[in-house]
N, C-alpha and C. Protein backbone atom coordinates (compact mmCIF):
# COMPACT_ATOMS: atom_id res chain seq x y z
N MET A 1 0.84 -1.18 0.00
CA MET A 1 0.00 0.00 0.00
C MET A 1 0.88 1.24 0.00
N PRO A 2 0.65 2.20 -0.91
CA PRO A 2 1.49 3.39 -0.98
C PRO A 2 1.27 4.31 0.21
N ASN A 3 2.30 5.07 0.52
CA ASN A 3 2.20 6.06 1.60
C ASN A 3 1.27 7.19 1.19
N ALA A 4 0.58 7.77 2.16
CA ALA A 4 -0.26 8.92 1.90
C ALA A 4 0.61 10.12 1.53
N ARG A 5 0.17 10.87 0.56
CA ARG A 5 0.93 12.05 0.13
C ARG A 5 0.89 13.10 1.24
N LYS A 6 2.05 13.67 1.54
CA LYS A 6 2.13 14.67 2.60
C LYS A 6 1.81 16.05 2.05
N PHE A 7 1.25 16.87 2.88
CA PHE A 7 0.87 18.24 2.51
C PHE A 7 1.73 19.21 3.32
N PHE A 8 2.42 20.10 2.64
CA PHE A 8 3.26 21.09 3.29
C PHE A 8 2.72 22.49 3.02
N VAL A 9 2.80 23.36 4.00
CA VAL A 9 2.27 24.71 3.92
C VAL A 9 3.41 25.70 3.69
N LYS A 10 3.20 26.60 2.74
CA LYS A 10 4.21 27.64 2.46
C LYS A 10 4.42 28.50 3.70
N ASP A 11 5.67 28.84 3.97
CA ASP A 11 6.12 29.66 5.10
C ASP A 11 5.92 29.00 6.47
N ALA A 12 5.55 27.73 6.48
CA ALA A 12 5.46 27.00 7.75
C ALA A 12 6.86 26.48 8.10
N VAL A 13 7.08 26.23 9.38
CA VAL A 13 8.35 25.71 9.85
C VAL A 13 8.15 24.25 10.25
N TYR A 14 9.02 23.38 9.75
CA TYR A 14 8.92 21.95 10.01
C TYR A 14 10.20 21.43 10.65
N PHE A 15 10.02 20.47 11.54
CA PHE A 15 11.14 19.74 12.13
C PHE A 15 11.23 18.42 11.38
N ILE A 16 12.36 18.19 10.73
CA ILE A 16 12.55 17.00 9.90
C ILE A 16 13.68 16.18 10.49
N THR A 17 13.44 14.90 10.63
CA THR A 17 14.49 14.00 11.09
C THR A 17 14.47 12.75 10.24
N THR A 18 15.64 12.20 10.00
CA THR A 18 15.75 10.98 9.23
C THR A 18 17.01 10.26 9.66
N SER A 19 17.02 8.97 9.48
CA SER A 19 18.20 8.19 9.89
C SER A 19 18.70 7.36 8.72
N THR A 20 19.96 6.96 8.81
CA THR A 20 20.52 6.08 7.81
C THR A 20 20.10 4.66 8.12
N GLU A 21 19.75 3.93 7.10
CA GLU A 21 19.30 2.56 7.31
C GLU A 21 20.47 1.66 7.69
N GLN A 22 21.56 1.83 6.99
CA GLN A 22 22.76 1.06 7.30
C GLN A 22 23.95 1.81 6.70
N GLY A 23 25.11 1.44 7.10
CA GLY A 23 26.30 2.09 6.56
C GLY A 23 27.12 2.75 7.65
N LEU A 24 28.09 3.52 7.22
CA LEU A 24 28.99 4.18 8.15
C LEU A 24 28.31 5.35 8.84
N PRO A 25 28.66 5.60 10.08
CA PRO A 25 28.09 6.76 10.78
C PRO A 25 28.73 8.06 10.31
N PHE A 26 28.07 9.18 10.62
CA PHE A 26 28.64 10.50 10.38
C PHE A 26 29.67 10.75 11.47
N ILE A 27 30.94 10.62 11.14
CA ILE A 27 32.01 10.81 12.13
C ILE A 27 32.34 12.30 12.18
N PRO A 28 32.24 12.93 13.35
CA PRO A 28 32.46 14.38 13.41
C PRO A 28 33.94 14.75 13.29
N ASN A 29 34.31 15.23 12.13
CA ASN A 29 35.63 15.81 11.93
C ASN A 29 35.50 16.92 10.90
N ILE A 30 36.53 17.66 10.68
CA ILE A 30 36.45 18.85 9.82
C ILE A 30 36.08 18.49 8.38
N ILE A 31 36.54 17.37 7.89
CA ILE A 31 36.25 16.97 6.51
C ILE A 31 34.78 16.58 6.35
N ILE A 32 34.30 15.69 7.21
CA ILE A 32 32.90 15.26 7.15
C ILE A 32 31.97 16.46 7.36
N ASN A 33 32.29 17.31 8.32
CA ASN A 33 31.45 18.48 8.58
C ASN A 33 31.39 19.40 7.37
N SER A 34 32.52 19.59 6.69
CA SER A 34 32.54 20.43 5.49
C SER A 34 31.71 19.82 4.37
N ILE A 35 31.79 18.52 4.20
CA ILE A 35 31.00 17.83 3.17
C ILE A 35 29.51 17.98 3.47
N LEU A 36 29.11 17.73 4.71
CA LEU A 36 27.69 17.81 5.06
C LEU A 36 27.16 19.23 4.93
N LYS A 37 27.93 20.22 5.34
CA LYS A 37 27.50 21.61 5.18
C LYS A 37 27.38 21.99 3.71
N GLY A 38 28.27 21.45 2.89
CA GLY A 38 28.19 21.69 1.45
C GLY A 38 26.95 21.08 0.83
N ILE A 39 26.59 19.88 1.29
CA ILE A 39 25.37 19.23 0.81
C ILE A 39 24.14 20.07 1.17
N LEU A 40 24.10 20.56 2.41
CA LEU A 40 22.97 21.40 2.83
C LEU A 40 22.92 22.70 2.02
N ALA A 41 24.06 23.32 1.81
CA ALA A 41 24.10 24.58 1.06
C ALA A 41 23.63 24.37 -0.38
N ARG A 42 24.07 23.28 -0.99
CA ARG A 42 23.67 22.99 -2.38
C ARG A 42 22.18 22.68 -2.46
N ALA A 43 21.66 21.91 -1.50
CA ALA A 43 20.24 21.59 -1.48
C ALA A 43 19.41 22.86 -1.31
N GLN A 44 19.86 23.74 -0.44
CA GLN A 44 19.15 24.99 -0.21
C GLN A 44 19.15 25.85 -1.48
N TYR A 45 20.26 25.87 -2.18
CA TYR A 45 20.38 26.62 -3.43
C TYR A 45 19.48 26.03 -4.52
N LEU A 46 19.49 24.70 -4.67
CA LEU A 46 18.74 24.05 -5.74
C LEU A 46 17.23 24.10 -5.52
N TYR A 47 16.79 23.93 -4.28
CA TYR A 47 15.36 23.76 -4.01
C TYR A 47 14.73 24.94 -3.29
N GLY A 48 15.50 25.94 -2.92
CA GLY A 48 14.97 27.18 -2.39
C GLY A 48 14.34 27.10 -1.01
N GLN A 49 14.65 26.09 -0.25
CA GLN A 49 14.12 26.02 1.12
C GLN A 49 15.05 26.79 2.05
N GLU A 50 14.53 27.21 3.18
CA GLU A 50 15.31 27.98 4.14
C GLU A 50 15.64 27.12 5.37
N ILE A 51 16.90 26.75 5.52
CA ILE A 51 17.33 25.95 6.66
C ILE A 51 17.57 26.89 7.83
N CYS A 52 16.84 26.67 8.91
CA CYS A 52 17.00 27.49 10.11
C CYS A 52 18.09 26.92 11.02
N HIS A 53 18.02 25.63 11.28
CA HIS A 53 19.00 24.95 12.13
C HIS A 53 19.16 23.52 11.66
N PHE A 54 20.32 22.93 11.97
CA PHE A 54 20.54 21.52 11.65
C PHE A 54 21.52 20.94 12.64
N VAL A 55 21.44 19.63 12.80
CA VAL A 55 22.43 18.89 13.58
C VAL A 55 22.54 17.49 12.98
N PHE A 56 23.77 17.05 12.77
CA PHE A 56 24.04 15.70 12.30
C PHE A 56 24.54 14.89 13.48
N MET A 57 23.90 13.78 13.73
CA MET A 57 24.30 12.87 14.81
C MET A 57 25.03 11.70 14.15
N ALA A 58 25.33 10.65 14.92
CA ALA A 58 26.12 9.54 14.39
C ALA A 58 25.43 8.85 13.20
N ASN A 59 24.13 8.57 13.31
CA ASN A 59 23.46 7.85 12.23
C ASN A 59 22.16 8.51 11.79
N HIS A 60 21.96 9.78 12.14
CA HIS A 60 20.75 10.48 11.71
C HIS A 60 20.99 11.99 11.77
N PHE A 61 20.04 12.74 11.22
CA PHE A 61 20.15 14.19 11.31
C PHE A 61 18.79 14.82 11.57
N HIS A 62 18.84 16.04 12.05
CA HIS A 62 17.64 16.83 12.33
C HIS A 62 17.77 18.16 11.60
N LEU A 63 16.68 18.61 11.01
CA LEU A 63 16.64 19.90 10.34
C LEU A 63 15.41 20.67 10.81
N ILE A 64 15.55 21.97 10.93
CA ILE A 64 14.40 22.84 11.09
C ILE A 64 14.39 23.70 9.83
N VAL A 65 13.31 23.56 9.06
CA VAL A 65 13.23 24.17 7.74
C VAL A 65 11.99 25.04 7.64
N LYS A 66 12.16 26.24 7.09
CA LYS A 66 11.02 27.08 6.73
C LYS A 66 10.74 26.83 5.25
N VAL A 67 9.54 26.38 4.96
CA VAL A 67 9.18 25.99 3.60
C VAL A 67 8.89 27.22 2.76
N THR A 68 9.66 27.40 1.70
CA THR A 68 9.41 28.50 0.78
C THR A 68 8.68 28.03 -0.46
N ASN A 69 8.84 26.75 -0.80
CA ASN A 69 8.13 26.16 -1.93
C ASN A 69 7.70 24.75 -1.53
N PRO A 70 6.44 24.56 -1.17
CA PRO A 70 5.98 23.25 -0.70
C PRO A 70 6.18 22.12 -1.70
N GLU A 71 6.16 22.42 -2.99
CA GLU A 71 6.27 21.38 -4.01
C GLU A 71 7.66 20.77 -4.07
N THR A 72 8.69 21.52 -3.68
CA THR A 72 10.05 21.00 -3.79
C THR A 72 10.61 20.43 -2.49
N LEU A 73 9.83 20.49 -1.39
CA LEU A 73 10.35 20.00 -0.11
C LEU A 73 10.71 18.51 -0.16
N PRO A 74 9.89 17.62 -0.74
CA PRO A 74 10.30 16.21 -0.81
C PRO A 74 11.60 16.00 -1.60
N ASP A 75 11.78 16.74 -2.69
CA ASP A 75 13.02 16.64 -3.47
C ASP A 75 14.20 17.18 -2.68
N PHE A 76 13.98 18.23 -1.92
CA PHE A 76 15.00 18.82 -1.07
C PHE A 76 15.50 17.79 -0.05
N ILE A 77 14.57 17.14 0.63
CA ILE A 77 14.92 16.11 1.63
C ILE A 77 15.59 14.93 0.96
N GLY A 78 15.05 14.51 -0.19
CA GLY A 78 15.65 13.39 -0.93
C GLY A 78 17.07 13.68 -1.37
N TYR A 79 17.32 14.91 -1.78
CA TYR A 79 18.67 15.30 -2.19
C TYR A 79 19.64 15.18 -1.02
N ILE A 80 19.25 15.70 0.13
CA ILE A 80 20.12 15.64 1.31
C ILE A 80 20.37 14.19 1.71
N LYS A 81 19.32 13.39 1.74
CA LYS A 81 19.47 11.98 2.13
C LYS A 81 20.36 11.23 1.13
N GLY A 82 20.14 11.48 -0.15
CA GLY A 82 20.91 10.78 -1.19
C GLY A 82 22.38 11.15 -1.17
N LYS A 83 22.67 12.43 -1.07
CA LYS A 83 24.06 12.88 -1.11
C LYS A 83 24.81 12.55 0.19
N SER A 84 24.12 12.57 1.31
CA SER A 84 24.80 12.26 2.57
C SER A 84 25.02 10.76 2.75
N ALA A 85 24.26 9.96 2.01
CA ALA A 85 24.45 8.50 2.10
C ALA A 85 25.75 8.13 1.43
């Protein structure tokens, strides 16, 4: 059964969290941090969402995002998940 389509509101603020299913953890060092910040910056540029805050933990991350374009939010999240994997 397919998942129900989510509805996002323009200019609303959302707390988004996701975890890695398997693989290496996000090890906190200057190189990994630079890569992850670059991924967030590129996603923000491509999809026009406004990242308010973020934190990357060992196997998951949290974002607080202000939605500027509700239609591109799923692609925005997918981009971050895909590139960080």
